[in-house]
Amino acid sequence: MYIFKYKGYIVLGLTEIAKKIDIYSYNFFYLTMNESEKSFSNILKF
């Protein structure tokens, strides 16, 4: 499980959700985790 803070919110297990959706989506999500807030906003719209 992945735990991180985003805009003051603690988000849990999003990577687990992404893996259940699609492995490629998961990989993209994982790669964007350490990038800018803009990239994270983009993955939420994906």
PDB file of N, CA and C in Angstrom:
ATOM      1  N   MET A   1       0.836  -1.202   0.000  1.00  0.00           N
ATOM      2  CA  MET A   1       0.000   0.000   0.000  1.00  0.00           C
ATOM      3  C   MET A   1       0.870   1.252   0.000  1.00  0.00           C
ATOM      4  N   TYR A   2       0.454   2.218  -0.780  1.00  0.00           N
ATOM      5  CA  TYR A   2       1.207   3.465  -0.884  1.00  0.00           C
ATOM      6  C   TYR A   2       0.504   4.551  -0.081  1.00  0.00           C
ATOM      7  N   ILE A   3       1.263   5.235   0.757  1.00  0.00           N
ATOM      8  CA  ILE A   3       0.690   6.280   1.598  1.00  0.00           C
ATOM      9  C   ILE A   3       1.423   7.593   1.329  1.00  0.00           C
ATOM     10  N   PHE A   4       0.669   8.640   1.014  1.00  0.00           N
ATOM     11  CA  PHE A   4       1.291   9.933   0.799  1.00  0.00           C
ATOM     12  C   PHE A   4       0.302  11.055   1.110  1.00  0.00           C
ATOM     13  N   LYS A   5       0.849  12.281   1.233  1.00  0.00           N
ATOM     14  CA  LYS A   5      -0.016  13.427   1.495  1.00  0.00           C
ATOM     15  C   LYS A   5      -0.159  14.240   0.221  1.00  0.00           C
ATOM     16  N   TYR A   6      -1.399  14.650  -0.071  1.00  0.00           N
ATOM     17  CA  TYR A   6      -1.661  15.468  -1.241  1.00  0.00           C
ATOM     18  C   TYR A   6      -2.609  16.587  -0.866  1.00  0.00           C
ATOM     19  N   LYS A   7      -2.133  17.828  -0.961  1.00  0.00           N
ATOM     20  CA  LYS A   7      -2.917  18.998  -0.597  1.00  0.00           C
ATOM     21  C   LYS A   7      -3.548  18.852   0.789  1.00  0.00           C
ATOM     22  N   GLY A   8      -2.784  18.302   1.733  1.00  0.00           N
ATOM     23  CA  GLY A   8      -3.260  18.185   3.101  1.00  0.00           C
ATOM     24  C   GLY A   8      -4.086  16.934   3.367  1.00  0.00           C
ATOM     25  N   TYR A   9      -4.352  16.154   2.326  1.00  0.00           N
ATOM     26  CA  TYR A   9      -5.108  14.927   2.516  1.00  0.00           C
ATOM     27  C   TYR A   9      -4.169  13.733   2.504  1.00  0.00           C
ATOM     28  N   ILE A  10      -4.447  12.742   3.329  1.00  0.00           N
ATOM     29  CA  ILE A  10      -3.661  11.516   3.316  1.00  0.00           C
ATOM     30  C   ILE A  10      -4.386  10.509   2.427  1.00  0.00           C
ATOM     31  N   VAL A  11      -3.683  10.047   1.411  1.00  0.00           N
ATOM     32  CA  VAL A  11      -4.293   9.149   0.433  1.00  0.00           C
ATOM     33  C   VAL A  11      -3.688   7.756   0.585  1.00  0.00           C
ATOM     34  N   LEU A  12      -4.539   6.750   0.690  1.00  0.00           N
ATOM     35  CA  LEU A  12      -4.071   5.396   0.938  1.00  0.00           C
ATOM     36  C   LEU A  12      -4.424   4.441  -0.194  1.00  0.00           C
ATOM     37  N   GLY A  13      -3.476   3.620  -0.575  1.00  0.00           N
ATOM     38  CA  GLY A  13      -3.767   2.489  -1.444  1.00  0.00           C
ATOM     39  C   GLY A  13      -4.190   2.804  -2.864  1.00  0.00           C
ATOM     40  N   LEU A  14      -3.873   3.982  -3.381  1.00  0.00           N
ATOM     41  CA  LEU A  14      -4.289   4.302  -4.746  1.00  0.00           C
ATOM     42  C   LEU A  14      -3.599   3.410  -5.778  1.00  0.00           C
ATOM     43  N   THR A  15      -2.374   3.009  -5.475  1.00  0.00           N
ATOM     44  CA  THR A  15      -1.661   2.139  -6.410  1.00  0.00           C
ATOM     45  C   THR A  15      -2.349   0.788  -6.518  1.00  0.00           C
ATOM     46  N   GLU A  16      -2.928   0.322  -5.415  1.00  0.00           N
ATOM     47  CA  GLU A  16      -3.651  -0.952  -5.427  1.00  0.00           C
ATOM     48  C   GLU A  16      -4.869  -0.855  -6.337  1.00  0.00           C
ATOM     49  N   ILE A  17      -5.551   0.276  -6.281  1.00  0.00           N
ATOM     50  CA  ILE A  17      -6.707   0.499  -7.148  1.00  0.00           C
ATOM     51  C   ILE A  17      -6.264   0.520  -8.609  1.00  0.00           C
ATOM     52  N   ALA A  18      -5.177   1.225  -8.866  1.00  0.00           N
ATOM     53  CA  ALA A  18      -4.682   1.352 -10.238  1.00  0.00           C
ATOM     54  C   ALA A  18      -4.285  -0.008 -10.813  1.00  0.00           C
ATOM     55  N   LYS A  19      -3.662  -0.856  -9.987  1.00  0.00           N
ATOM     56  CA  LYS A  19      -3.265  -2.183 -10.462  1.00  0.00           C
ATOM     57  C   LYS A  19      -4.485  -3.009 -10.851  1.00  0.00           C
ATOM     58  N   LYS A  20      -5.589  -2.813 -10.134  1.00  0.00           N
ATOM     59  CA  LYS A  20      -6.801  -3.556 -10.447  1.00  0.00           C
ATOM     60  C   LYS A  20      -7.430  -3.069 -11.750  1.00  0.00           C
ATOM     61  N   ILE A  21      -7.211  -1.803 -12.072  1.00  0.00           N
ATOM     62  CA  ILE A  21      -7.775  -1.247 -13.305  1.00  0.00           C
ATOM     63  C   ILE A  21      -6.979  -1.736 -14.513  1.00  0.00           C
ATOM     64  N   ASP A  22      -5.679  -1.457 -14.517  1.00  0.00           N
ATOM     65  CA  ASP A  22      -4.851  -1.816 -15.670  1.00  0.00           C
ATOM     66  C   ASP A  22      -3.381  -1.661 -15.306  1.00  0.00           C
ATOM     67  N   ILE A  23      -2.556  -2.637 -15.668  1.00  0.00           N
ATOM     68  CA  ILE A  23      -1.135  -2.606 -15.296  1.00  0.00           C
ATOM     69  C   ILE A  23      -0.411  -1.418 -15.922  1.00  0.00           C
ATOM     70  N   TYR A  24      -0.805  -1.011 -17.116  1.00  0.00           N
ATOM     71  CA  TYR A  24      -0.143   0.124 -17.749  1.00  0.00           C
ATOM     72  C   TYR A  24      -0.541   1.423 -17.053  1.00  0.00           C
ATOM     73  N   SER A  25      -1.792   1.521 -16.662  1.00  0.00           N
ATOM     74  CA  SER A  25      -2.245   2.687 -15.906  1.00  0.00           C
ATOM     75  C   SER A  25      -1.491   2.758 -14.585  1.00  0.00           C
ATOM     76  N   TYR A  26      -1.290   1.597 -13.952  1.00  0.00           N
ATOM     77  CA  TYR A  26      -0.542   1.529 -12.695  1.00  0.00           C
ATOM     78  C   TYR A  26       0.879   2.038 -12.879  1.00  0.00           C
ATOM     79  N   ASN A  27       1.540   1.571 -13.945  1.00  0.00           N
ATOM     80  CA  ASN A  27       2.913   1.996 -14.196  1.00  0.00           C
ATOM     81  C   ASN A  27       2.996   3.499 -14.409  1.00  0.00           C
ATOM     82  N   PHE A  28       2.054   4.040 -15.174  1.00  0.00           N
ATOM     83  CA  PHE A  28       2.024   5.477 -15.416  1.00  0.00           C
ATOM     84  C   PHE A  28       1.783   6.236 -14.110  1.00  0.00           C
ATOM     85  N   PHE A  29       0.855   5.725 -13.305  1.00  0.00           N
ATOM     86  CA  PHE A  29       0.542   6.320 -12.006  1.00  0.00           C
ATOM     87  C   PHE A  29       1.785   6.327 -11.118  1.00  0.00           C
ATOM     88  N   TYR A  30       2.473   5.186 -11.056  1.00  0.00           N
ATOM     89  CA  TYR A  30       3.661   5.049 -10.221  1.00  0.00           C
ATOM     90  C   TYR A  30       4.750   6.036 -10.641  1.00  0.00           C
ATOM     91  N   LEU A  31       4.943   6.190 -11.952  1.00  0.00           N
ATOM     92  CA  LEU A  31       5.970   7.088 -12.460  1.00  0.00           C
ATOM     93  C   LEU A  31       5.654   8.553 -12.160  1.00  0.00           C
ATOM     94  N   THR A  32       4.370   8.879 -12.080  1.00  0.00           N
ATOM     95  CA  THR A  32       3.986  10.269 -11.834  1.00  0.00           C
ATOM     96  C   THR A  32       3.924  10.618 -10.351  1.00  0.00           C
ATOM     97  N   MET A  33       4.013   9.614  -9.477  1.00  0.00           N
ATOM     98  CA  MET A  33       3.882   9.866  -8.049  1.00  0.00           C
ATOM     99  C   MET A  33       4.911  10.875  -7.540  1.00  0.00           C
ATOM    100  N   ASN A  34       6.133  10.823  -8.066  1.00  0.00           N
ATOM    101  CA  ASN A  34       7.190  11.703  -7.575  1.00  0.00           C
ATOM    102  C   ASN A  34       7.364  12.949  -8.432  1.00  0.00           C
ATOM    103  N   GLU A  35       6.449  13.169  -9.376  1.00  0.00           N
ATOM    104  CA  GLU A  35       6.547  14.342 -10.232  1.00  0.00           C
ATOM    105  C   GLU A  35       5.686  15.477  -9.706  1.00  0.00           C
ATOM    106  N   SER A  36       5.461  16.479 -10.544  1.00  0.00           N
ATOM    107  CA  SER A  36       4.775  17.691 -10.095  1.00  0.00           C
ATOM    108  C   SER A  36       3.304  17.464  -9.780  1.00  0.00           C
ATOM    109  N   GLU A  37       2.720  18.420  -9.117  1.00  0.00           N
ATOM    110  CA  GLU A  37       1.298  18.370  -8.789  1.00  0.00           C
ATOM    111  C   GLU A  37       0.456  18.365 -10.059  1.00  0.00           C
ATOM    112  N   LYS A  38       0.953  19.018 -11.103  1.00  0.00           N
ATOM    113  CA  LYS A  38       0.239  19.050 -12.376  1.00  0.00           C
ATOM    114  C   LYS A  38       0.129  17.638 -12.952  1.00  0.00           C
ATOM    115  N   SER A  39       1.211  16.875 -12.883  1.00  0.00           N
ATOM    116  CA  SER A  39       1.195  15.502 -13.376  1.00  0.00           C
ATOM    117  C   SER A  39       0.209  14.663 -12.574  1.00  0.00           C
ATOM    118  N   PHE A  40       0.165  14.881 -11.272  1.00  0.00           N
ATOM    119  CA  PHE A  40      -0.755  14.125 -10.430  1.00  0.00           C
ATOM    120  C   PHE A  40      -2.202  14.479 -10.771  1.00  0.00           C
ATOM    121  N   SER A  41      -2.449  15.764 -11.048  1.00  0.00           N
ATOM    122  CA  SER A  41      -3.789  16.184 -11.456  1.00  0.00           C
ATOM    123  C   SER A  41      -4.175  15.511 -12.769  1.00  0.00           C
ATOM    124  N   ASN A  42      -3.198  15.368 -13.680  1.00  0.00           N
ATOM    125  CA  ASN A  42      -3.462  14.719 -14.961  1.00  0.00           C
ATOM    126  C   ASN A  42      -3.846  13.255 -14.788  1.00  0.00           C
ATOM    127  N   ILE A  43      -3.187  12.561 -13.875  1.00  0.00           N
ATOM    128  CA  ILE A  43      -3.502  11.145 -13.673  1.00  0.00           C
ATOM    129  C   ILE A  43      -4.892  10.987 -13.062  1.00  0.00           C
ATOM    130  N   LEU A  44      -5.322  11.962 -12.275  1.00  0.00           N
ATOM    131  CA  LEU A  44      -6.669  11.897 -11.720  1.00  0.00           C
ATOM    132  C   LEU A  44      -7.724  12.051 -12.818  1.00  0.00           C
ATOM    133  N   LYS A  45      -7.376  12.809 -13.870  1.00  0.00           N
ATOM    134  CA  LYS A  45      -8.297  13.010 -14.987  1.00  0.00           C
ATOM    135  C   LYS A  45      -8.258  11.837 -15.957  1.00  0.00           C
ATOM    136  N   PHE A  46      -7.206  11.010 -15.860  1.00  0.00           N
ATOM    137  CA  PHE A  46      -6.996   9.922 -16.822  1.00  0.00           C
ATOM    138  C   PHE A  46      -8.122   8.897 -16.789  1.00  0.00           C
TER     139      PHE A  46
END
